[in-house]
Amino acid sequence: TLPPADCSNVPVAETDVDRHRYENS
């Protein structure tokens, strides 16, 4: 997984977990 800074650039295929954590941060 990538850090929140890169999360916005992470494709959905990376799983929504990273996006979910980033948005909740």
N, C-alpha and C. Protein backbone atom coordinates (compact mmCIF):
# COMPACT_ATOMS: atom_id res chain seq x y z
N THR A 1 0.84 -1.21 0.00
CA THR A 1 0.00 0.00 0.00
C THR A 1 0.88 1.26 0.00
N LEU A 2 0.29 2.36 -0.42
CA LEU A 2 1.06 3.60 -0.50
C LEU A 2 0.64 4.57 0.60
N PRO A 3 1.48 5.50 0.94
CA PRO A 3 1.18 6.50 1.98
C PRO A 3 0.06 7.42 1.52
N PRO A 4 -0.62 8.09 2.44
CA PRO A 4 -1.75 8.97 2.13
C PRO A 4 -1.41 9.98 1.04
N ALA A 5 -0.18 10.46 1.02
CA ALA A 5 0.24 11.46 0.04
C ALA A 5 0.06 10.92 -1.37
N ASP A 6 0.31 9.61 -1.56
CA ASP A 6 0.19 9.01 -2.88
C ASP A 6 -1.17 8.36 -3.08
N CYS A 7 -1.92 8.30 -2.02
CA CYS A 7 -3.19 7.58 -2.05
C CYS A 7 -4.09 8.13 -3.15
N SER A 8 -4.08 9.44 -3.36
CA SER A 8 -4.94 10.05 -4.35
C SER A 8 -4.59 9.56 -5.75
N ASN A 9 -3.36 9.09 -5.91
CA ASN A 9 -2.91 8.61 -7.22
C ASN A 9 -3.03 7.10 -7.35
N VAL A 10 -3.42 6.46 -6.27
CA VAL A 10 -3.53 5.00 -6.29
C VAL A 10 -4.78 4.56 -7.04
N PRO A 11 -4.64 3.66 -8.01
CA PRO A 11 -5.79 3.15 -8.75
C PRO A 11 -6.72 2.36 -7.85
N VAL A 12 -8.00 2.29 -8.23
CA VAL A 12 -8.98 1.59 -7.42
C VAL A 12 -8.58 0.13 -7.24
N ALA A 13 -7.84 -0.39 -8.20
CA ALA A 13 -7.41 -1.79 -8.16
C ALA A 13 -6.57 -2.06 -6.91
N GLU A 14 -5.98 -1.01 -6.37
CA GLU A 14 -5.14 -1.13 -5.17
C GLU A 14 -6.01 -1.44 -3.96
N THR A 15 -7.32 -1.48 -4.18
CA THR A 15 -8.31 -1.69 -3.11
C THR A 15 -8.70 -0.35 -2.51
N ASP A 16 -9.92 -0.25 -2.05
CA ASP A 16 -10.44 1.01 -1.52
C ASP A 16 -9.94 1.27 -0.11
N VAL A 17 -9.24 0.28 0.45
CA VAL A 17 -8.76 0.42 1.83
C VAL A 17 -7.90 1.67 1.99
N ASP A 18 -6.97 1.85 1.06
CA ASP A 18 -6.07 3.00 1.16
C ASP A 18 -6.84 4.31 1.03
N ARG A 19 -7.76 4.35 0.08
CA ARG A 19 -8.55 5.57 -0.12
C ARG A 19 -9.40 5.83 1.11
N HIS A 20 -9.97 4.78 1.64
CA HIS A 20 -10.85 4.91 2.80
C HIS A 20 -10.08 5.47 3.98
N ARG A 21 -8.87 4.95 4.19
CA ARG A 21 -8.03 5.41 5.29
C ARG A 21 -7.60 6.86 5.04
N TYR A 22 -7.28 7.17 3.80
CA TYR A 22 -6.83 8.52 3.46
C TYR A 22 -7.94 9.53 3.70
N GLU A 23 -9.15 9.19 3.29
CA GLU A 23 -10.28 10.11 3.45
C GLU A 23 -10.64 10.28 4.91
N ASN A 24 -10.47 9.21 5.70
CA ASN A 24 -10.80 9.29 7.12
C ASN A 24 -9.69 9.96 7.92
N SER A 25 -8.52 10.09 7.31
CA SER A 25 -7.43 10.77 7.99
C SER A 25 -7.71 12.26 7.98
